[in-house]
Amino acid sequence: MAEAERDEIKSGPEFFRTLNESARLLGQNRPGEALEKLLPLYAQAPEHPDVLINLSGAYVLQRKWNRAVQVLNEAVKLHPQNAMLWMNLGAAQLGRLETAGPRQQDKAIAAYQRALQANPEAPNVHYHLGLIYKERGELSRASAFFQRALEVNPADRDARFWLDRLTSLILEETRAKRRGHEADTDDATSPAGGDNDGDNNGGAA
């Protein structure tokens, strides 16, 4: 296809109607139907950022993580300042949070951090980072990201839930450590037991 013809397609009303329809289908959690719309657009305009965002988003919703990563690794080279592409890459690199290993987590964190470099208030990025650090057991760092998520979006109920829950867990951990420290201190300062009680109390017959 000639470059001029391709540019005309990318700027034509039908192209954007189809692109908007794919976004609507993704919003309704219908990624299979969205892909039917998006794959022809991708063939016509493989470098278009919105096509890449929606296409990778459809793969993520279908849990086709590797396919999403393949699309996104090229996409972020073309559009390194596009926060949405980095966000999708973070989700694709992570896969399922509950089963992701340290390497997957590290790659996802790196992608989400790049999203924040592109847009410090990118929606949901702080929240997802909080979830990863919670899963790693780094509760203080997780709490900091949930707090930042609420600063970006005060109506984020999920971030509020986890922030409150982790605050309680951290407080309980602190109390438990304090009790353990106090017990260790008491043991260290207690006098030796009375070994001579029998001699002192035993009178002559």
C-alpha atoms as a PDB file:
ATOM      1  CA  MET A   1       0.000   0.000   0.000  1.00  0.00           C
ATOM      2  CA  ALA A   2       1.345   3.441  -0.929  1.00  0.00           C
ATOM      3  CA  GLU A   3       2.307   5.744   1.924  1.00  0.00           C
ATOM      4  CA  ALA A   4      -0.154   8.430   0.826  1.00  0.00           C
ATOM      5  CA  GLU A   5      -3.003   5.916   0.710  1.00  0.00           C
ATOM      6  CA  ARG A   6      -2.076   4.589   4.155  1.00  0.00           C
ATOM      7  CA  ASP A   7      -2.034   8.119   5.608  1.00  0.00           C
ATOM      8  CA  GLU A   8      -5.460   8.768   4.090  1.00  0.00           C
ATOM      9  CA  ILE A   9      -6.865   5.632   5.734  1.00  0.00           C
ATOM     10  CA  LYS A  10      -5.387   6.563   9.118  1.00  0.00           C
ATOM     11  CA  SER A  11      -6.992   9.989   8.994  1.00  0.00           C
ATOM     12  CA  GLY A  12     -10.304   8.869   7.539  1.00  0.00           C
ATOM     13  CA  PRO A  13     -13.575   8.803   9.509  1.00  0.00           C
ATOM     14  CA  GLU A  14     -14.048   5.046   9.089  1.00  0.00           C
ATOM     15  CA  PHE A  15     -10.686   4.378  10.702  1.00  0.00           C
ATOM     16  CA  PHE A  16     -11.608   6.363  13.791  1.00  0.00           C
ATOM     17  CA  ARG A  17     -15.141   4.949  13.957  1.00  0.00           C
ATOM     18  CA  THR A  18     -13.661   1.455  14.040  1.00  0.00           C
ATOM     19  CA  LEU A  19     -11.029   2.501  16.580  1.00  0.00           C
ATOM     20  CA  ASN A  20     -13.683   4.021  18.841  1.00  0.00           C
ATOM     21  CA  GLU A  21     -15.834   0.911  18.468  1.00  0.00           C
ATOM     22  CA  SER A  22     -12.897  -1.242  19.597  1.00  0.00           C
ATOM     23  CA  ALA A  23     -12.475   0.972  22.673  1.00  0.00           C
ATOM     24  CA  ARG A  24     -16.185   0.582  23.470  1.00  0.00           C
ATOM     25  CA  LEU A  25     -15.920  -3.200  23.208  1.00  0.00           C
ATOM     26  CA  LEU A  26     -12.875  -3.244  25.478  1.00  0.00           C
ATOM     27  CA  GLY A  27     -14.778  -1.152  28.009  1.00  0.00           C
ATOM     28  CA  GLN A  28     -17.479  -3.827  27.960  1.00  0.00           C
ATOM     29  CA  ASN A  29     -14.856  -6.556  28.509  1.00  0.00           C
ATOM     30  CA  ARG A  30     -15.343  -7.995  25.018  1.00  0.00           C
ATOM     31  CA  PRO A  31     -11.727  -8.295  23.865  1.00  0.00           C
ATOM     32  CA  GLY A  32     -12.383 -10.967  21.239  1.00  0.00           C
ATOM     33  CA  GLU A  33     -14.806  -8.729  19.372  1.00  0.00           C
ATOM     34  CA  ALA A  34     -12.463  -5.785  19.822  1.00  0.00           C
ATOM     35  CA  LEU A  35      -9.643  -7.761  18.201  1.00  0.00           C
ATOM     36  CA  GLU A  36     -11.784  -8.368  15.133  1.00  0.00           C
ATOM     37  CA  LYS A  37     -11.921  -4.589  14.729  1.00  0.00           C
ATOM     38  CA  LEU A  38      -8.324  -3.924  15.695  1.00  0.00           C
ATOM     39  CA  LEU A  39      -6.340  -6.440  13.655  1.00  0.00           C
ATOM     40  CA  PRO A  40      -7.277  -4.844  10.298  1.00  0.00           C
ATOM     41  CA  LEU A  41      -6.431  -1.425  11.754  1.00  0.00           C
ATOM     42  CA  TYR A  42      -3.088  -2.768  12.949  1.00  0.00           C
ATOM     43  CA  ALA A  43      -2.361  -4.069   9.449  1.00  0.00           C
ATOM     44  CA  GLN A  44      -3.158  -0.634   8.027  1.00  0.00           C
ATOM     45  CA  ALA A  45      -1.448   1.460  10.698  1.00  0.00           C
ATOM     46  CA  PRO A  46       1.004  -0.664  12.740  1.00  0.00           C
ATOM     47  CA  GLU A  47       2.595   2.413  14.318  1.00  0.00           C
ATOM     48  CA  HIS A  48      -0.580   4.237  15.381  1.00  0.00           C
ATOM     49  CA  PRO A  49      -0.382   4.673  19.191  1.00  0.00           C
ATOM     50  CA  ASP A  50      -4.116   4.312  19.849  1.00  0.00           C
ATOM     51  CA  VAL A  51      -4.286   1.147  17.767  1.00  0.00           C
ATOM     52  CA  LEU A  52      -1.325  -0.233  19.724  1.00  0.00           C
ATOM     53  CA  ILE A  53      -2.905   0.712  23.065  1.00  0.00           C
ATOM     54  CA  ASN A  54      -6.215  -0.950  22.238  1.00  0.00           C
ATOM     55  CA  LEU A  55      -4.660  -4.000  20.590  1.00  0.00           C
ATOM     56  CA  SER A  56      -2.349  -4.682  23.521  1.00  0.00           C
ATOM     57  CA  GLY A  57      -5.208  -4.011  25.921  1.00  0.00           C
ATOM     58  CA  ALA A  58      -7.292  -6.659  24.173  1.00  0.00           C
ATOM     59  CA  TYR A  59      -4.472  -9.190  24.490  1.00  0.00           C
ATOM     60  CA  VAL A  60      -4.061  -8.353  28.190  1.00  0.00           C
ATOM     61  CA  LEU A  61      -7.783  -8.861  28.814  1.00  0.00           C
ATOM     62  CA  GLN A  62      -7.538 -12.228  27.079  1.00  0.00           C
ATOM     63  CA  ARG A  63      -4.485 -13.054  29.228  1.00  0.00           C
ATOM     64  CA  LYS A  64      -2.385 -13.492  26.113  1.00  0.00           C
ATOM     65  CA  TRP A  65       0.522 -11.930  27.949  1.00  0.00           C
ATOM     66  CA  ASN A  66       3.316 -12.921  25.564  1.00  0.00           C
ATOM     67  CA  ARG A  67       1.474 -11.620  22.529  1.00  0.00           C
ATOM     68  CA  ALA A  68       0.821  -8.335  24.302  1.00  0.00           C
ATOM     69  CA  VAL A  69       4.489  -8.035  25.278  1.00  0.00           C
ATOM     70  CA  GLN A  70       5.567  -8.603  21.669  1.00  0.00           C
ATOM     71  CA  VAL A  71       3.350  -5.768  20.459  1.00  0.00           C
ATOM     72  CA  LEU A  72       4.283  -3.452  23.303  1.00  0.00           C
ATOM     73  CA  ASN A  73       8.053  -3.932  23.204  1.00  0.00           C
ATOM     74  CA  GLU A  74       7.994  -2.451  19.703  1.00  0.00           C
ATOM     75  CA  ALA A  75       5.326   0.098  20.575  1.00  0.00           C
ATOM     76  CA  VAL A  76       7.301   1.727  23.402  1.00  0.00           C
ATOM     77  CA  LYS A  77      10.299   2.080  21.085  1.00  0.00           C
ATOM     78  CA  LEU A  78       8.105   4.036  18.685  1.00  0.00           C
ATOM     79  CA  HIS A  79       6.337   6.041  21.405  1.00  0.00           C
ATOM     80  CA  PRO A  80       8.604   6.155  24.492  1.00  0.00           C
ATOM     81  CA  GLN A  81       6.654   8.993  26.088  1.00  0.00           C
ATOM     82  CA  ASN A  82       3.258   7.298  25.856  1.00  0.00           C
ATOM     83  CA  ALA A  83       2.276   6.413  29.425  1.00  0.00           C
ATOM     84  CA  MET A  84      -0.614   4.172  28.366  1.00  0.00           C
ATOM     85  CA  LEU A  85       1.691   1.903  26.377  1.00  0.00           C
ATOM     86  CA  TRP A  86       4.031   1.547  29.368  1.00  0.00           C
ATOM     87  CA  MET A  87       1.027   0.829  31.606  1.00  0.00           C
ATOM     88  CA  ASN A  88      -0.138  -1.949  29.306  1.00  0.00           C
ATOM     89  CA  LEU A  89       3.405  -3.309  29.154  1.00  0.00           C
ATOM     90  CA  GLY A  90       3.512  -3.376  32.954  1.00  0.00           C
ATOM     91  CA  ALA A  91       0.272  -5.374  33.059  1.00  0.00           C
ATOM     92  CA  ALA A  92       1.481  -7.755  30.338  1.00  0.00           C
ATOM     93  CA  GLN A  93       4.881  -8.296  31.956  1.00  0.00           C
ATOM     94  CA  LEU A  94       3.244  -9.054  35.303  1.00  0.00           C
ATOM     95  CA  GLY A  95       0.543 -11.424  34.092  1.00  0.00           C
ATOM     96  CA  ARG A  96      -1.479 -12.728  37.027  1.00  0.00           C
ATOM     97  CA  LEU A  97      -0.407 -10.977  40.206  1.00  0.00           C
ATOM     98  CA  GLU A  98      -0.936 -14.046  42.384  1.00  0.00           C
ATOM     99  CA  THR A  99       1.365 -16.264  40.308  1.00  0.00           C
ATOM    100  CA  ALA A 100       3.939 -13.728  39.080  1.00  0.00           C
ATOM    101  CA  GLY A 101       7.507 -14.481  40.134  1.00  0.00           C
ATOM    102  CA  PRO A 102      10.165 -11.936  41.141  1.00  0.00           C
ATOM    103  CA  ARG A 103      11.447 -11.546  37.575  1.00  0.00           C
ATOM    104  CA  GLN A 104       7.971 -10.783  36.239  1.00  0.00           C
ATOM    105  CA  GLN A 105       7.393  -8.371  39.092  1.00  0.00           C
ATOM    106  CA  ASP A 106      10.672  -6.561  38.413  1.00  0.00           C
ATOM    107  CA  LYS A 107       9.839  -6.133  34.728  1.00  0.00           C
ATOM    108  CA  ALA A 108       6.368  -4.869  35.557  1.00  0.00           C
ATOM    109  CA  ILE A 109       7.745  -2.398  38.109  1.00  0.00           C
ATOM    110  CA  ALA A 110      10.226  -1.068  35.538  1.00  0.00           C
ATOM    111  CA  ALA A 111       7.448  -0.558  32.973  1.00  0.00           C
ATOM    112  CA  TYR A 112       5.148   1.146  35.487  1.00  0.00           C
ATOM    113  CA  GLN A 113       7.995   3.434  36.552  1.00  0.00           C
ATOM    114  CA  ARG A 114       8.483   4.428  32.920  1.00  0.00           C
ATOM    115  CA  ALA A 115       4.772   5.209  32.739  1.00  0.00           C
ATOM    116  CA  LEU A 116       5.169   7.554  35.706  1.00  0.00           C
ATOM    117  CA  GLN A 117       8.158   9.213  34.071  1.00  0.00           C
ATOM    118  CA  ALA A 118       5.956   9.952  31.066  1.00  0.00           C
ATOM    119  CA  ASN A 119       3.013  11.022  33.234  1.00  0.00           C
ATOM    120  CA  PRO A 120       3.466  11.297  37.021  1.00  0.00           C
ATOM    121  CA  GLU A 121      -0.306  11.106  37.486  1.00  0.00           C
ATOM    122  CA  ALA A 122      -1.001   8.249  35.083  1.00  0.00           C
ATOM    123  CA  PRO A 123      -4.228   6.594  36.285  1.00  0.00           C
ATOM    124  CA  ASN A 124      -3.980   3.378  38.320  1.00  0.00           C
ATOM    125  CA  VAL A 125      -0.192   3.052  38.033  1.00  0.00           C
ATOM    126  CA  HIS A 126       0.507   3.829  41.693  1.00  0.00           C
ATOM    127  CA  TYR A 127      -2.252   1.422  42.679  1.00  0.00           C
ATOM    128  CA  HIS A 128      -0.766  -1.433  40.628  1.00  0.00           C
ATOM    129  CA  LEU A 129       2.692  -0.754  42.027  1.00  0.00           C
ATOM    130  CA  GLY A 130       1.161  -0.892  45.502  1.00  0.00           C
ATOM    131  CA  LEU A 131      -0.327  -4.299  44.743  1.00  0.00           C
ATOM    132  CA  ILE A 132       3.014  -5.658  43.543  1.00  0.00           C
ATOM    133  CA  TYR A 133       4.883  -4.448  46.620  1.00  0.00           C
ATOM    134  CA  LYS A 134       2.115  -5.792  48.857  1.00  0.00           C
ATOM    135  CA  GLU A 135       2.530  -9.182  47.203  1.00  0.00           C
ATOM    136  CA  ARG A 136       6.295  -8.966  47.836  1.00  0.00           C
ATOM    137  CA  GLY A 137       5.679  -8.287  51.513  1.00  0.00           C
ATOM    138  CA  GLU A 138       7.102  -4.749  51.311  1.00  0.00           C
ATOM    139  CA  LEU A 139       4.207  -3.237  53.203  1.00  0.00           C
ATOM    140  CA  SER A 140       5.611   0.229  53.870  1.00  0.00           C
ATOM    141  CA  ARG A 141       6.464   0.762  50.222  1.00  0.00           C
ATOM    142  CA  ALA A 142       3.081  -0.604  49.175  1.00  0.00           C
ATOM    143  CA  SER A 143       1.354   1.805  51.560  1.00  0.00           C
ATOM    144  CA  ALA A 144       3.270   4.722  50.071  1.00  0.00           C
ATOM    145  CA  PHE A 145       2.047   3.844  46.581  1.00  0.00           C
ATOM    146  CA  PHE A 146      -1.565   3.415  47.748  1.00  0.00           C
ATOM    147  CA  GLN A 147      -1.307   6.814  49.437  1.00  0.00           C
ATOM    148  CA  ARG A 148      -0.024   8.351  46.213  1.00  0.00           C
ATOM    149  CA  ALA A 149      -2.839   6.635  44.289  1.00  0.00           C
ATOM    150  CA  LEU A 150      -5.330   8.425  46.543  1.00  0.00           C
ATOM    151  CA  GLU A 151      -3.591  11.738  45.977  1.00  0.00           C
ATOM    152  CA  VAL A 152      -3.993  11.236  42.239  1.00  0.00           C
ATOM    153  CA  ASN A 153      -7.573   9.976  42.577  1.00  0.00           C
ATOM    154  CA  PRO A 154      -9.213  10.582  45.973  1.00  0.00           C
ATOM    155  CA  ALA A 155     -12.202   8.467  44.872  1.00  0.00           C
ATOM    156  CA  ASP A 156     -10.093   5.298  44.466  1.00  0.00           C
ATOM    157  CA  ARG A 157     -11.886   2.970  46.897  1.00  0.00           C
ATOM    158  CA  ASP A 158      -9.573   0.041  46.256  1.00  0.00           C
ATOM    159  CA  ALA A 159      -6.507   2.122  47.129  1.00  0.00           C
ATOM    160  CA  ARG A 160      -8.267   3.354  50.282  1.00  0.00           C
ATOM    161  CA  PHE A 161      -9.131  -0.211  51.290  1.00  0.00           C
ATOM    162  CA  TRP A 162      -5.564  -1.427  50.943  1.00  0.00           C
ATOM    163  CA  LEU A 163      -4.066   1.643  52.571  1.00  0.00           C
ATOM    164  CA  ASP A 164      -6.289   1.199  55.638  1.00  0.00           C
ATOM    165  CA  ARG A 165      -5.613  -2.526  55.783  1.00  0.00           C
ATOM    166  CA  LEU A 166      -1.845  -2.191  55.448  1.00  0.00           C
ATOM    167  CA  THR A 167      -1.754   0.622  57.982  1.00  0.00           C
ATOM    168  CA  SER A 168      -3.396  -1.735  60.490  1.00  0.00           C
ATOM    169  CA  LEU A 169      -0.984  -4.563  59.617  1.00  0.00           C
ATOM    170  CA  ILE A 170       2.068  -2.314  59.928  1.00  0.00           C
ATOM    171  CA  LEU A 171       0.823  -0.994  63.281  1.00  0.00           C
ATOM    172  CA  GLU A 172       0.281  -4.536  64.568  1.00  0.00           C
ATOM    173  CA  GLU A 173       3.746  -5.584  63.366  1.00  0.00           C
ATOM    174  CA  THR A 174       5.261  -2.593  65.159  1.00  0.00           C
ATOM    175  CA  ARG A 175       3.437  -3.472  68.378  1.00  0.00           C
ATOM    176  CA  ALA A 176       4.514  -7.113  68.118  1.00  0.00           C
ATOM    177  CA  LYS A 177       8.148  -6.116  67.638  1.00  0.00           C
ATOM    178  CA  ARG A 178       7.924  -3.754  70.604  1.00  0.00           C
ATOM    179  CA  ARG A 179       6.454  -6.479  72.799  1.00  0.00           C
ATOM    180  CA  GLY A 180       9.193  -8.860  71.698  1.00  0.00           C
ATOM    181  CA  HIS A 181      11.872  -6.266  72.437  1.00  0.00           C
ATOM    182  CA  GLU A 182      10.429  -5.576  75.877  1.00  0.00           C
ATOM    183  CA  ALA A 183      10.341  -9.311  76.633  1.00  0.00           C
ATOM    184  CA  ASP A 184      13.975  -9.676  75.572  1.00  0.00           C
ATOM    185  CA  THR A 185      14.924  -6.715  77.763  1.00  0.00           C
ATOM    186  CA  ASP A 186      13.113  -8.183  80.768  1.00  0.00           C
ATOM    187  CA  ASP A 187      14.896 -11.518  80.304  1.00  0.00           C
ATOM    188  CA  ALA A 188      18.263  -9.808  80.082  1.00  0.00           C
ATOM    189  CA  THR A 189      17.761  -7.768  83.272  1.00  0.00           C
ATOM    190  CA  SER A 190      16.050 -10.416  85.488  1.00  0.00           C
ATOM    191  CA  PRO A 191      18.184 -11.544  88.515  1.00  0.00           C
ATOM    192  CA  ALA A 192      19.319 -15.140  88.756  1.00  0.00           C
ATOM    193  CA  GLY A 193      16.963 -17.519  90.505  1.00  0.00           C
ATOM    194  CA  GLY A 194      17.385 -18.304  94.244  1.00  0.00           C
ATOM    195  CA  ASP A 195      19.563 -21.406  94.180  1.00  0.00           C
ATOM    196  CA  ASN A 196      20.177 -21.270  97.986  1.00  0.00           C
ATOM    197  CA  ASP A 197      16.523 -21.124  99.081  1.00  0.00           C
ATOM    198  CA  GLY A 198      16.728 -24.653 100.439  1.00  0.00           C
ATOM    199  CA  ASP A 199      19.805 -23.897 102.553  1.00  0.00           C
ATOM    200  CA  ASN A 200      18.327 -20.691 103.932  1.00  0.00           C
ATOM    201  CA  ASN A 201      14.992 -22.176 104.859  1.00  0.00           C
ATOM    202  CA  GLY A 202      16.164 -25.543 106.149  1.00  0.00           C
ATOM    203  CA  GLY A 203      16.425 -25.353 109.958  1.00  0.00           C
ATOM    204  CA  ALA A 204      18.112 -27.966 112.231  1.00  0.00           C
ATOM    205  CA  ALA A 205      15.944 -30.758 113.519  1.00  0.00           C
END
